[in-house]
Each structure stands twice: as C-alpha cells, then as structure tokens.
C-alpha cells in the first residue's frame, strides 16, 4: 500500500498529465500544474497524509493518532477515497482525451489500485484487529 501511494505521489508531481503541442512547440503539465492545479494539490496532500499514517504505524506503533471510523484502516480507506475524488475532479474539469499524457492514465490506474488495496486492508481488519475504541478515534 505504501509503495502504491508513493507511486501515485510521483505520478501526480512529476509525470506529464497533459501534453499540448502547437506546431514545433510541445508543453507537458503535471497534475499539480494549471489548469485546476488545486485538485492535483489536494490529491497530493491526501496521498502524503496516507503515507505519513503508514509511516507512523510502522516506525512508531505506540503513537496514538486520531482516526476516522473504527480504526486506522478505515482512516486510510477514507483518505485514499479523498485522493481518488480529487484525481477524478482533475479529470472531469479537464476532459480533453487528445491532451492527456501517459501520467494521467498511469495515475488513474494507480489511484484505483490504492483504493482497492486500502479496501482490502479494511476488509481484512474486520475479522478481529480493527482497533475499535482506540484512543483518539473520531
């Protein structure tokens, strides 16, 4: 899950989401560039929060952090859905299939994979290790 989130972060920040060519001039824009850079930036922030939550759990498991729902797996699933929402908004606000770069298509696949993996982790935790009543739960 962490690797997929890191791949999404790299895709949002560095890979070309839009490629525009006018004559000999070609321009590539990332998800965090205009137009509608705010959607890309919010997707980046959500992905960073997810990565930070995973890092806290792995490197400092005794640290209590606020959660949404019934534990950290629910929190990660919701954060992944928020990131997916902003990726979807970036797409909906700029539907020009002829201008999408390979970073956009990779981003859609990686975002879907991130939501899937967080959903799988959430489903696996239902069996017993759900952190119900964890201090700091919202």
C-alpha atoms as a PDB file:
ATOM      1  CA  UNK A   1       0.000   0.000   0.000  1.00  0.00           C
ATOM      2  CA  UNK A   2       2.822   2.390   0.810  1.00  0.00           C
ATOM      3  CA  UNK A   3       4.554   1.676  -2.486  1.00  0.00           C
ATOM      4  CA  UNK A   4       1.369   2.341  -4.446  1.00  0.00           C
ATOM      5  CA  UNK A   5       0.816   5.604  -2.549  1.00  0.00           C
ATOM      6  CA  UNK A   6       4.408   6.635  -3.254  1.00  0.00           C
ATOM      7  CA  UNK A   7       3.957   5.798  -6.949  1.00  0.00           C
ATOM      8  CA  UNK A   8       0.803   7.949  -7.034  1.00  0.00           C
ATOM      9  CA  UNK A   9       2.694  10.810  -5.390  1.00  0.00           C
ATOM     10  CA  UNK A  10       5.470  10.596  -8.005  1.00  0.00           C
ATOM     11  CA  UNK A  11       2.880  10.430 -10.779  1.00  0.00           C
ATOM     12  CA  UNK A  12       0.995  13.493  -9.506  1.00  0.00           C
ATOM     13  CA  UNK A  13       4.129  15.586  -9.027  1.00  0.00           C
ATOM     14  CA  UNK A  14       6.409  14.630 -11.906  1.00  0.00           C
ATOM     15  CA  UNK A  15       4.765  12.728 -14.771  1.00  0.00           C
ATOM     16  CA  UNK A  16       3.025  14.539 -17.656  1.00  0.00           C
ATOM     17  CA  UNK A  17      -0.745  14.591 -17.229  1.00  0.00           C
ATOM     18  CA  UNK A  18      -1.331  16.897 -20.157  1.00  0.00           C
ATOM     19  CA  UNK A  19       0.696  17.166 -23.338  1.00  0.00           C
ATOM     20  CA  UNK A  20      -0.082  20.075 -25.620  1.00  0.00           C
ATOM     21  CA  UNK A  21       1.605  20.571 -28.980  1.00  0.00           C
ATOM     22  CA  UNK A  22       1.280  23.618 -31.191  1.00  0.00           C
ATOM     23  CA  UNK A  23       3.486  23.350 -34.223  1.00  0.00           C
ATOM     24  CA  UNK A  24       7.077  22.718 -33.146  1.00  0.00           C
ATOM     25  CA  UNK A  25       6.341  23.720 -29.533  1.00  0.00           C
ATOM     26  CA  UNK A  26       5.361  20.989 -27.087  1.00  0.00           C
ATOM     27  CA  UNK A  27       4.364  21.521 -23.463  1.00  0.00           C
ATOM     28  CA  UNK A  28       3.818  18.932 -20.734  1.00  0.00           C
ATOM     29  CA  UNK A  29       1.982  19.681 -17.496  1.00  0.00           C
ATOM     30  CA  UNK A  30       1.784  17.631 -14.312  1.00  0.00           C
ATOM     31  CA  UNK A  31      -1.337  17.073 -12.210  1.00  0.00           C
ATOM     32  CA  UNK A  32      -0.297  19.935  -9.953  1.00  0.00           C
ATOM     33  CA  UNK A  33       0.031  22.430 -12.816  1.00  0.00           C
ATOM     34  CA  UNK A  34      -2.731  24.654 -14.139  1.00  0.00           C
ATOM     35  CA  UNK A  35      -5.486  24.279 -15.140  1.00  0.00           C
ATOM     36  CA  UNK A  36      -7.201  23.342 -11.889  1.00  0.00           C
ATOM     37  CA  UNK A  37      -3.963  22.803 -10.017  1.00  0.00           C
ATOM     38  CA  UNK A  38      -5.870  22.817  -6.732  1.00  0.00           C
ATOM     39  CA  UNK A  39      -7.371  19.378  -7.485  1.00  0.00           C
ATOM     40  CA  UNK A  40      -3.920  17.910  -8.072  1.00  0.00           C
ATOM     41  CA  UNK A  41      -2.535  19.585  -4.961  1.00  0.00           C
ATOM     42  CA  UNK A  42      -5.330  18.216  -2.768  1.00  0.00           C
ATOM     43  CA  UNK A  43      -4.719  14.733  -4.218  1.00  0.00           C
ATOM     44  CA  UNK A  44      -1.025  15.137  -3.328  1.00  0.00           C
ATOM     45  CA  UNK A  45      -1.906  16.247   0.218  1.00  0.00           C
ATOM     46  CA  UNK A  46      -4.249  13.300   0.753  1.00  0.00           C
ATOM     47  CA  UNK A  47      -1.586  10.910  -0.533  1.00  0.00           C
ATOM     48  CA  UNK A  48       1.019  12.451   1.772  1.00  0.00           C
ATOM     49  CA  UNK A  49      -1.319  12.043   4.754  1.00  0.00           C
ATOM     50  CA  UNK A  50      -1.820   8.378   3.873  1.00  0.00           C
ATOM     51  CA  UNK A  51       1.936   7.812   3.578  1.00  0.00           C
ATOM     52  CA  UNK A  52       2.518   9.627   6.890  1.00  0.00           C
ATOM     53  CA  UNK A  53      -0.100   7.467   8.620  1.00  0.00           C
ATOM     54  CA  UNK A  54       1.553   4.306   7.315  1.00  0.00           C
ATOM     55  CA  UNK A  55       4.982   5.564   8.413  1.00  0.00           C
ATOM     56  CA  UNK A  56       3.742   6.373  11.919  1.00  0.00           C
ATOM     57  CA  UNK A  57       2.205   2.931  12.256  1.00  0.00           C
ATOM     58  CA  UNK A  58       5.354   1.167  11.022  1.00  0.00           C
ATOM     59  CA  UNK A  59       8.037   3.218  12.779  1.00  0.00           C
ATOM     60  CA  UNK A  60       6.190   4.285  15.929  1.00  0.00           C
ATOM     61  CA  UNK A  61       3.331   1.855  16.574  1.00  0.00           C
ATOM     62  CA  UNK A  62       2.850   3.112  20.136  1.00  0.00           C
ATOM     63  CA  UNK A  63       1.923   6.577  18.841  1.00  0.00           C
ATOM     64  CA  UNK A  64      -1.785   7.303  19.035  1.00  0.00           C
ATOM     65  CA  UNK A  65      -3.220   9.332  16.173  1.00  0.00           C
ATOM     66  CA  UNK A  66      -6.804  10.412  15.545  1.00  0.00           C
ATOM     67  CA  UNK A  67      -8.809   8.036  13.377  1.00  0.00           C
ATOM     68  CA  UNK A  68     -11.987   8.186  11.347  1.00  0.00           C
ATOM     69  CA  UNK A  69     -14.459   5.370  11.762  1.00  0.00           C
ATOM     70  CA  UNK A  70     -13.352   2.250  13.563  1.00  0.00           C
ATOM     71  CA  UNK A  71      -9.592   2.430  13.234  1.00  0.00           C
ATOM     72  CA  UNK A  72      -6.611   3.269  11.128  1.00  0.00           C
ATOM     73  CA  UNK A  73      -7.595   1.002   8.255  1.00  0.00           C
ATOM     74  CA  UNK A  74     -10.898   2.876   7.940  1.00  0.00           C
ATOM     75  CA  UNK A  75      -8.985   6.142   8.071  1.00  0.00           C
ATOM     76  CA  UNK A  76      -6.619   5.045   5.296  1.00  0.00           C
ATOM     77  CA  UNK A  77      -9.514   3.901   3.128  1.00  0.00           C
ATOM     78  CA  UNK A  78     -11.265   7.252   3.506  1.00  0.00           C
ATOM     79  CA  UNK A  79      -8.040   9.153   2.778  1.00  0.00           C
ATOM     80  CA  UNK A  80      -7.489   7.039  -0.364  1.00  0.00           C
ATOM     81  CA  UNK A  81     -11.068   7.818  -1.440  1.00  0.00           C
ATOM     82  CA  UNK A  82     -10.426  11.536  -0.905  1.00  0.00           C
ATOM     83  CA  UNK A  83      -7.307  11.331  -3.081  1.00  0.00           C
ATOM     84  CA  UNK A  84      -9.338   9.463  -5.725  1.00  0.00           C
ATOM     85  CA  UNK A  85     -12.042  12.136  -5.575  1.00  0.00           C
ATOM     86  CA  UNK A  86      -9.531  14.883  -6.378  1.00  0.00           C
ATOM     87  CA  UNK A  87      -7.967  12.826  -9.182  1.00  0.00           C
ATOM     88  CA  UNK A  88     -11.481  12.347 -10.574  1.00  0.00           C
ATOM     89  CA  UNK A  89     -12.179  16.086 -10.281  1.00  0.00           C
ATOM     90  CA  UNK A  90      -8.956  16.862 -12.133  1.00  0.00           C
ATOM     91  CA  UNK A  91     -10.191  14.574 -14.912  1.00  0.00           C
ATOM     92  CA  UNK A  92     -13.762  15.895 -15.006  1.00  0.00           C
ATOM     93  CA  UNK A  93     -12.685  19.517 -15.077  1.00  0.00           C
ATOM     94  CA  UNK A  94     -10.304  18.907 -17.995  1.00  0.00           C
ATOM     95  CA  UNK A  95     -11.852  16.288 -20.277  1.00  0.00           C
ATOM     96  CA  UNK A  96      -9.720  16.523 -23.405  1.00  0.00           C
ATOM     97  CA  UNK A  97      -8.676  12.971 -24.285  1.00  0.00           C
ATOM     98  CA  UNK A  98      -6.370  14.201 -27.017  1.00  0.00           C
ATOM     99  CA  UNK A  99      -4.343  16.181 -24.483  1.00  0.00           C
ATOM    100  CA  UNK A 100      -3.964  13.592 -21.715  1.00  0.00           C
ATOM    101  CA  UNK A 101      -0.398  12.391 -21.213  1.00  0.00           C
ATOM    102  CA  UNK A 102       0.708   8.955 -20.040  1.00  0.00           C
ATOM    103  CA  UNK A 103       0.936  10.241 -16.458  1.00  0.00           C
ATOM    104  CA  UNK A 104      -2.815  10.732 -16.420  1.00  0.00           C
ATOM    105  CA  UNK A 105      -3.547   7.165 -17.495  1.00  0.00           C
ATOM    106  CA  UNK A 106      -0.993   5.757 -15.062  1.00  0.00           C
ATOM    107  CA  UNK A 107      -2.464   7.976 -12.333  1.00  0.00           C
ATOM    108  CA  UNK A 108      -5.953   6.581 -12.885  1.00  0.00           C
ATOM    109  CA  UNK A 109      -4.666   3.000 -12.634  1.00  0.00           C
ATOM    110  CA  UNK A 110      -2.542   3.708  -9.546  1.00  0.00           C
ATOM    111  CA  UNK A 111      -5.378   5.594  -7.830  1.00  0.00           C
ATOM    112  CA  UNK A 112      -7.753   2.685  -8.426  1.00  0.00           C
ATOM    113  CA  UNK A 113      -5.114   0.286  -7.070  1.00  0.00           C
ATOM    114  CA  UNK A 114      -4.636   2.441  -3.953  1.00  0.00           C
ATOM    115  CA  UNK A 115      -8.362   2.472  -3.209  1.00  0.00           C
ATOM    116  CA  UNK A 116      -8.526  -1.281  -3.838  1.00  0.00           C
ATOM    117  CA  UNK A 117      -5.601  -2.078  -1.515  1.00  0.00           C
ATOM    118  CA  UNK A 118      -6.917   0.135   1.276  1.00  0.00           C
ATOM    119  CA  UNK A 119     -10.335  -1.504   0.882  1.00  0.00           C
ATOM    120  CA  UNK A 120      -8.704  -4.951   1.104  1.00  0.00           C
ATOM    121  CA  UNK A 121      -6.801  -3.930   4.241  1.00  0.00           C
ATOM    122  CA  UNK A 122     -10.004  -2.548   5.731  1.00  0.00           C
ATOM    123  CA  UNK A 123     -11.896  -5.763   4.947  1.00  0.00           C
ATOM    124  CA  UNK A 124      -9.107  -7.900   6.418  1.00  0.00           C
ATOM    125  CA  UNK A 125      -9.181  -5.943   9.656  1.00  0.00           C
ATOM    126  CA  UNK A 126     -12.891  -6.642  10.192  1.00  0.00           C
ATOM    127  CA  UNK A 127     -12.016 -10.121  11.421  1.00  0.00           C
ATOM    128  CA  UNK A 128     -10.521  -9.028  14.709  1.00  0.00           C
ATOM    129  CA  UNK A 129      -7.797  -6.392  14.623  1.00  0.00           C
ATOM    130  CA  UNK A 130      -9.995  -3.387  13.998  1.00  0.00           C
ATOM    131  CA  UNK A 131      -8.721  -1.038  16.730  1.00  0.00           C
ATOM    132  CA  UNK A 132     -12.282  -0.408  17.992  1.00  0.00           C
ATOM    133  CA  UNK A 133     -12.282   2.053  20.829  1.00  0.00           C
ATOM    134  CA  UNK A 134      -8.765   3.171  20.028  1.00  0.00           C
ATOM    135  CA  UNK A 135      -7.902   6.379  21.895  1.00  0.00           C
ATOM    136  CA  UNK A 136      -8.172   9.355  19.588  1.00  0.00           C
ATOM    137  CA  UNK A 137     -10.963   7.881  17.429  1.00  0.00           C
ATOM    138  CA  UNK A 138     -13.348  10.351  15.933  1.00  0.00           C
END
